[in-house]
Amino acid sequence: MSESAVSGNRLAAAGVAWQPPDARRLLQLALAAVWLLDAVLQYQAFMFTKAFGQMLAETASGNPGVIAGPITWNATLVEHNAVALNAIFATIQLAIAIGIAWRPTVKLALAGSIAWSLGVWWFGEGLGGILTGGASPVNGAPGAVLIYALLAVLLWPADRDPAAPYVAGRAVGTAAAKAIWLVFWGSMVFFTLQSANLNSQGLHDMISDMASGEPGWLASAESHAASLVAHHGVGISIILAVAFAVIAVGVFLPRPAAKAVIVLALVVSAFIWVIGEALGEVFTGGGTDPNSGPLLALLALLYWPGLGAAAPGRAAAAAPAAHEPAS
């Protein structure tokens, strides 16, 4: 007898009908897939060289001494022990991916991902550059790994509010989920309007630099995009800030308008990932993760109206078994 048949018989014996994965579980699996991609990228040959440690050291630039000092220390340690430490780093990310994908370990893996993400946010991303005065959402601020931690919290398998209108509200409650969304996207407005980003050529230079090391088709797209925004950096930054502000308040709007705002968030995420981040530089051989674009899109899907409530069939199916007297 096949394993699936055995599982089906066990469920039937317990009086519980099998239910397909709900929206939250599918989004957990999507997060696991991104972690898996992270692990694959971390196993690249470049990461096992001293250059990886040198790359980490660059994130200390512009940060206060109390933040930069530990980053420099960690980068030096990695530079002198690149093979062993990177093998550990990559394996941790692989373990997180597998742990989230395997239902019995999902809580442990999500908790581990939060701790790991916060550590990498400091030692690997320099807190996303938010203290340097030059952080821009177009190239990843406030830091991709910070979004991993946020997603883990919002996808935690708990039902504080089972009737939440979107997945993000189930674990933390609808009010808390709205506050998280408002603060996160509101911070994007702040970072976009920093003086370093209100420069006529700033956006052009940022996008132009992303073409280096990319395959021809992507390098060409980056170069053309850089040409289009040349001398328009201030105006485009203001437009982006307005878009972020609209997204930030979107979860407080009626459902039809909220859906439109989530679509806007998905479009902006795609723009950031393709144009601002060159698909996370995954084709250069030196990209450690797909950057923030896919994670912003995943975050937006957690707030899609109508995906939140726990499937009623699960609770209804489990209830008879829970109250059935022992034989």
Protein backbone atom coordinates (compact mmCIF):
# COMPACT_ATOMS: atom_id res chain seq x y z
CA MET A 1 0.00 0.00 0.00
CA SER A 2 1.32 3.48 -0.88
CA GLU A 3 2.34 5.97 1.79
CA SER A 4 -0.39 8.41 0.68
CA ALA A 5 -3.00 5.66 1.02
CA VAL A 6 -1.74 4.82 4.50
CA SER A 7 -1.92 8.50 5.47
CA GLY A 8 -5.41 8.74 4.07
CA ASN A 9 -6.52 5.69 6.06
CA ARG A 10 -5.07 7.14 9.25
CA LEU A 11 -6.93 10.41 8.72
CA ALA A 12 -10.13 8.55 7.98
CA ALA A 13 -9.71 6.41 11.10
CA ALA A 14 -9.30 9.56 13.17
CA GLY A 15 -12.42 11.02 11.62
CA VAL A 16 -10.46 13.86 10.03
CA ALA A 17 -10.83 14.49 6.29
CA TRP A 18 -7.67 15.58 4.47
CA GLN A 19 -7.64 19.26 3.61
CA PRO A 20 -5.39 20.89 1.00
CA PRO A 21 -2.89 23.49 2.26
CA ASP A 22 -4.56 26.78 3.10
CA ALA A 23 -3.28 30.19 2.00
CA ARG A 24 -0.97 30.60 4.98
CA ARG A 25 0.65 27.22 4.42
CA LEU A 26 1.19 28.00 0.73
CA LEU A 27 2.83 31.29 1.67
CA GLN A 28 5.01 29.48 4.22
CA LEU A 29 6.12 27.17 1.41
CA ALA A 30 6.87 30.20 -0.76
CA LEU A 31 9.05 31.57 2.04
CA ALA A 32 10.78 28.18 2.28
CA ALA A 33 11.48 28.34 -1.46
CA VAL A 34 13.16 31.74 -1.08
CA TRP A 35 15.28 30.40 1.78
CA LEU A 36 16.24 27.47 -0.46
CA LEU A 37 17.35 29.90 -3.16
CA ASP A 38 19.37 31.74 -0.50
CA ALA A 39 21.12 28.50 0.42
CA VAL A 40 21.91 27.69 -3.21
CA LEU A 41 23.40 31.16 -3.71
CA GLN A 42 25.40 30.85 -0.50
CA TYR A 43 26.96 27.62 -1.81
CA GLN A 44 28.44 29.47 -4.81
CA ALA A 45 32.22 29.25 -5.21
CA PHE A 46 32.68 33.00 -4.62
CA MET A 47 31.31 32.68 -1.08
CA PHE A 48 34.11 30.29 -0.13
CA THR A 49 36.79 32.87 -0.87
CA LYS A 50 38.25 35.81 1.06
CA ALA A 51 36.26 38.10 -1.22
CA PHE A 52 33.09 37.17 0.66
CA GLY A 53 34.53 38.49 3.91
CA GLN A 54 35.68 41.63 2.14
CA MET A 55 32.17 42.12 0.79
CA LEU A 56 30.77 41.87 4.31
CA ALA A 57 33.31 44.44 5.53
CA GLU A 58 31.94 46.99 3.04
CA THR A 59 28.62 47.09 4.91
CA ALA A 60 30.37 48.77 7.86
CA SER A 61 30.95 51.92 5.82
CA GLY A 62 28.94 54.91 7.02
CA ASN A 63 27.60 53.16 10.11
CA PRO A 64 28.23 54.39 13.67
CA GLY A 65 31.25 52.84 15.36
CA VAL A 66 29.17 50.71 17.70
CA ILE A 67 27.55 49.08 14.67
CA ALA A 68 30.56 49.09 12.33
CA GLY A 69 33.02 47.58 14.84
CA PRO A 70 31.31 44.19 15.18
CA ILE A 71 30.72 44.08 11.41
CA THR A 72 34.43 44.56 10.75
CA TRP A 73 35.35 41.94 13.34
CA ASN A 74 32.93 39.44 11.83
CA ALA A 75 34.12 40.18 8.28
CA THR A 76 37.75 39.58 9.30
CA LEU A 77 36.78 36.30 10.93
CA VAL A 78 34.94 35.19 7.79
CA GLU A 79 37.80 36.30 5.54
CA HIS A 80 40.27 34.08 7.42
CA ASN A 81 37.92 31.09 7.73
CA ALA A 82 35.85 31.47 4.58
CA VAL A 83 35.43 27.80 3.65
CA ALA A 84 34.36 26.50 7.04
CA LEU A 85 32.17 29.44 8.04
CA ASN A 86 30.43 29.79 4.68
CA ALA A 87 29.66 26.07 4.67
CA ILE A 88 27.99 26.59 8.05
CA PHE A 89 26.10 29.68 6.83
CA ALA A 90 24.79 27.94 3.72
CA THR A 91 23.78 24.83 5.64
CA ILE A 92 21.88 26.89 8.22
CA GLN A 93 19.89 28.51 5.43
CA LEU A 94 19.22 25.12 3.86
CA ALA A 95 18.05 23.79 7.22
CA ILE A 96 15.68 26.76 7.62
CA ALA A 97 14.21 26.11 4.16
CA ILE A 98 13.65 22.41 4.86
CA GLY A 99 12.33 23.15 8.35
CA ILE A 100 9.69 25.57 7.09
CA ALA A 101 8.69 23.18 4.30
CA TRP A 102 8.27 20.24 6.71
CA ARG A 103 5.17 20.89 8.77
CA PRO A 104 6.32 19.28 12.06
CA THR A 105 9.33 21.64 12.28
CA VAL A 106 7.77 24.81 10.90
CA LYS A 107 7.67 26.63 14.25
CA LEU A 108 11.28 25.77 15.08
CA ALA A 109 12.41 26.82 11.60
CA LEU A 110 10.49 30.10 11.66
CA ALA A 111 11.91 30.93 15.10
CA GLY A 112 15.39 30.08 13.85
CA SER A 113 14.87 32.20 10.76
CA ILE A 114 14.01 35.23 12.90
CA ALA A 115 17.20 34.87 14.98
CA TRP A 116 19.35 34.21 11.91
CA SER A 117 17.82 37.08 9.94
CA LEU A 118 18.40 39.62 12.69
CA GLY A 119 22.03 38.51 13.00
CA VAL A 120 22.61 38.74 9.26
CA TRP A 121 20.82 42.10 9.15
CA TRP A 122 23.53 43.49 11.44
CA PHE A 123 26.66 41.54 10.49
CA GLY A 124 25.85 40.94 6.83
CA GLU A 125 23.85 43.98 5.76
CA GLY A 126 24.97 46.71 8.14
CA LEU A 127 21.35 47.15 9.32
CA GLY A 128 20.36 47.67 5.71
CA GLY A 129 22.23 50.99 5.70
CA ILE A 130 19.41 52.71 7.58
CA LEU A 131 21.87 54.56 9.83
CA THR A 132 24.13 55.75 7.01
CA GLY A 133 21.76 58.40 5.66
CA GLY A 134 21.86 56.92 2.18
CA ALA A 135 19.60 53.88 2.39
CA SER A 136 17.15 53.57 -0.49
CA PRO A 137 14.25 51.12 -0.92
CA VAL A 138 15.18 50.93 -4.59
CA ASN A 139 18.28 48.92 -3.75
CA GLY A 140 16.98 47.02 -0.75
CA ALA A 141 16.47 49.25 2.30
CA PRO A 142 15.61 48.61 5.07
CA GLY A 143 17.31 45.27 4.37
CA ALA A 144 16.06 42.06 2.78
CA VAL A 145 16.82 39.87 5.80
CA LEU A 146 14.74 42.12 8.04
CA ILE A 147 11.77 41.26 5.82
CA TYR A 148 12.52 37.54 6.29
CA ALA A 149 12.11 38.03 10.04
CA LEU A 150 8.92 40.02 9.57
CA LEU A 151 7.46 37.33 7.29
CA ALA A 152 8.29 34.65 9.85
CA VAL A 153 6.34 36.54 12.52
CA LEU A 154 3.33 37.08 10.28
CA LEU A 155 3.34 33.47 9.03
CA TRP A 156 3.66 31.96 12.49
CA PRO A 157 1.22 29.00 12.69
CA ALA A 158 -1.09 30.41 15.34
CA ASP A 159 -4.64 31.70 15.14
CA ARG A 160 -4.94 34.70 17.41
CA ASP A 161 -7.54 35.98 14.95
CA PRO A 162 -8.83 33.04 12.85
CA ALA A 163 -11.36 35.30 11.09
CA ALA A 164 -8.75 37.88 10.03
CA PRO A 165 -9.41 39.32 6.56
CA TYR A 166 -5.89 38.39 5.40
CA VAL A 167 -3.18 35.91 6.32
CA ALA A 168 -1.00 38.46 8.14
CA GLY A 169 -3.73 39.01 10.75
CA ARG A 170 -4.12 35.40 11.83
CA ALA A 171 -0.97 35.11 13.94
CA VAL A 172 -0.72 38.61 15.41
CA GLY A 173 -4.28 39.94 15.12
CA THR A 174 -5.71 42.28 12.52
CA ALA A 175 -4.93 45.49 14.40
CA ALA A 176 -1.29 44.54 14.96
CA ALA A 177 -0.94 43.43 11.34
CA LYS A 178 -2.23 46.79 10.14
CA ALA A 179 0.21 48.62 12.42
CA ILE A 180 3.13 46.53 11.11
CA TRP A 181 2.16 47.27 7.50
CA LEU A 182 1.78 50.99 8.20
CA VAL A 183 5.14 51.29 9.97
CA PHE A 184 7.00 49.21 7.39
CA TRP A 185 5.77 51.00 4.27
CA GLY A 186 5.80 54.33 6.09
CA SER A 187 9.51 53.80 6.73
CA MET A 188 9.95 53.34 2.98
CA VAL A 189 8.59 56.86 2.52
CA PHE A 190 11.15 58.18 5.01
CA PHE A 191 14.10 56.40 3.39
CA THR A 192 13.07 57.50 -0.10
CA LEU A 193 12.92 61.16 0.91
CA GLN A 194 16.33 61.28 2.60
CA SER A 195 18.49 64.01 1.16
CA ALA A 196 20.96 61.52 -0.33
CA ASN A 197 18.15 60.12 -2.49
CA LEU A 198 16.82 63.52 -3.60
CA ASN A 199 19.54 63.90 -6.20
CA SER A 200 18.92 64.38 -9.89
CA GLN A 201 21.48 61.72 -10.84
CA GLY A 202 21.34 59.53 -7.74
CA LEU A 203 18.82 57.06 -9.10
CA HIS A 204 20.60 56.93 -12.46
CA ASP A 205 23.92 56.10 -10.83
CA MET A 206 22.36 53.48 -8.57
CA ILE A 207 20.69 51.63 -11.44
CA SER A 208 23.66 52.02 -13.77
CA ASP A 209 25.98 50.39 -11.23
CA MET A 210 23.73 47.32 -11.14
CA ALA A 211 24.57 46.44 -14.76
CA SER A 212 28.11 45.37 -13.87
CA GLY A 213 28.61 41.61 -14.03
CA GLU A 214 25.10 40.89 -15.28
CA PRO A 215 24.32 38.87 -18.43
CA GLY A 216 23.94 40.98 -21.57
CA TRP A 217 20.15 41.08 -21.65
CA LEU A 218 19.88 42.23 -18.04
CA ALA A 219 22.80 44.64 -18.28
CA SER A 220 21.14 46.20 -21.32
CA ALA A 221 17.84 46.56 -19.46
CA GLU A 222 19.61 48.22 -16.53
CA SER A 223 21.48 50.61 -18.81
CA HIS A 224 18.31 51.62 -20.65
CA ALA A 225 16.47 52.13 -17.37
CA ALA A 226 19.34 54.25 -16.06
CA SER A 227 19.16 56.40 -19.19
CA LEU A 228 15.43 56.92 -18.76
CA VAL A 229 15.76 58.20 -15.19
CA ALA A 230 18.82 60.35 -15.86
CA HIS A 231 18.38 63.85 -14.37
CA HIS A 232 14.93 62.85 -13.06
CA GLY A 233 16.01 61.36 -9.75
CA VAL A 234 14.21 63.89 -7.56
CA GLY A 235 10.87 63.59 -9.36
CA ILE A 236 10.95 59.81 -9.47
CA SER A 237 11.89 59.62 -5.78
CA ILE A 238 8.90 61.81 -4.91
CA ILE A 239 6.61 59.63 -7.05
CA LEU A 240 7.94 56.52 -5.30
CA ALA A 241 7.43 58.15 -1.89
CA VAL A 242 3.81 58.93 -2.77
CA ALA A 243 3.32 55.32 -3.94
CA PHE A 244 4.78 54.02 -0.67
CA ALA A 245 2.51 56.34 1.31
CA VAL A 246 -0.57 55.11 -0.57
CA ILE A 247 0.51 51.51 0.03
CA ALA A 248 1.05 52.23 3.73
CA VAL A 249 -2.56 53.32 4.26
CA GLY A 250 -4.02 50.75 1.88
CA VAL A 251 -4.91 48.18 4.52
CA PHE A 252 -7.22 50.71 6.18
CA LEU A 253 -9.31 51.14 3.02
CA PRO A 254 -12.44 49.21 1.95
CA ARG A 255 -11.73 45.83 0.35
CA PRO A 256 -11.91 46.87 -3.35
CA ALA A 257 -9.52 49.78 -2.74
CA ALA A 258 -7.30 47.63 -0.53
CA LYS A 259 -6.96 45.07 -3.32
CA ALA A 260 -5.95 47.82 -5.74
CA VAL A 261 -3.30 49.01 -3.28
CA ILE A 262 -1.92 45.48 -2.87
CA VAL A 263 -1.65 45.27 -6.67
CA LEU A 264 0.25 48.57 -6.57
CA ALA A 265 2.57 47.07 -3.93
CA LEU A 266 3.22 44.09 -6.20
CA VAL A 267 4.00 46.36 -9.15
CA VAL A 268 6.36 48.50 -7.07
CA SER A 269 8.04 45.35 -5.73
CA ALA A 270 8.60 44.15 -9.29
CA PHE A 271 10.05 47.53 -10.30
CA ILE A 272 12.43 47.47 -7.34
CA TRP A 273 13.54 43.89 -8.00
CA VAL A 274 14.05 44.15 -11.76
CA ILE A 275 15.31 47.72 -12.14
CA GLY A 276 16.74 48.68 -8.76
CA GLU A 277 18.18 45.32 -7.72
CA ALA A 278 18.88 43.60 -11.06
CA LEU A 279 17.00 40.50 -9.90
CA GLY A 280 19.09 40.45 -6.73
CA GLU A 281 22.32 40.01 -8.76
CA VAL A 282 21.69 36.27 -8.74
CA PHE A 283 23.38 35.92 -12.14
CA THR A 284 26.66 37.56 -11.14
CA GLY A 285 27.99 34.70 -9.04
CA GLY A 286 28.26 37.03 -6.06
CA GLY A 287 24.66 37.53 -5.00
CA THR A 288 23.88 36.10 -1.56
CA ASP A 289 20.10 36.38 -1.84
CA PRO A 290 17.41 37.61 -4.27
CA ASN A 291 17.27 40.90 -2.30
CA SER A 292 14.08 42.58 -1.14
CA GLY A 293 11.88 42.55 -4.27
CA PRO A 294 10.43 39.01 -3.98
CA LEU A 295 10.05 39.42 -0.22
CA LEU A 296 8.11 42.66 -0.64
CA ALA A 297 5.79 40.85 -3.05
CA LEU A 298 5.36 37.98 -0.60
CA LEU A 299 4.63 40.46 2.19
CA ALA A 300 1.98 42.08 0.00
CA LEU A 301 0.31 38.72 -0.64
CA LEU A 302 0.02 38.19 3.11
CA TYR A 303 -2.31 41.19 3.13
CA TRP A 304 -4.48 40.21 0.15
CA PRO A 305 -8.10 40.64 1.33
CA GLY A 306 -10.01 37.39 1.51
CA LEU A 307 -7.04 35.06 2.02
CA GLY A 308 -6.96 35.31 5.78
CA ALA A 309 -9.63 33.22 7.47
CA ALA A 310 -8.68 29.71 8.50
CA ALA A 311 -10.46 27.08 6.41
CA PRO A 312 -13.64 26.21 8.33
CA GLY A 313 -13.46 22.62 7.14
CA ARG A 314 -10.31 22.02 9.20
CA ALA A 315 -11.87 22.92 12.51
CA ALA A 316 -15.14 21.18 11.65
CA ALA A 317 -13.34 18.00 10.62
CA ALA A 318 -11.15 17.93 13.69
CA ALA A 319 -14.00 18.58 16.15
CA PRO A 320 -15.63 15.09 16.04
CA ALA A 321 -12.30 13.38 16.65
CA ALA A 322 -11.51 15.72 19.54
CA HIS A 323 -14.82 14.94 21.30
CA GLU A 324 -15.06 11.26 20.44
CA PRO A 325 -15.01 9.10 23.62
CA ALA A 326 -12.13 6.68 23.99
CA SER A 327 -12.99 3.12 23.20
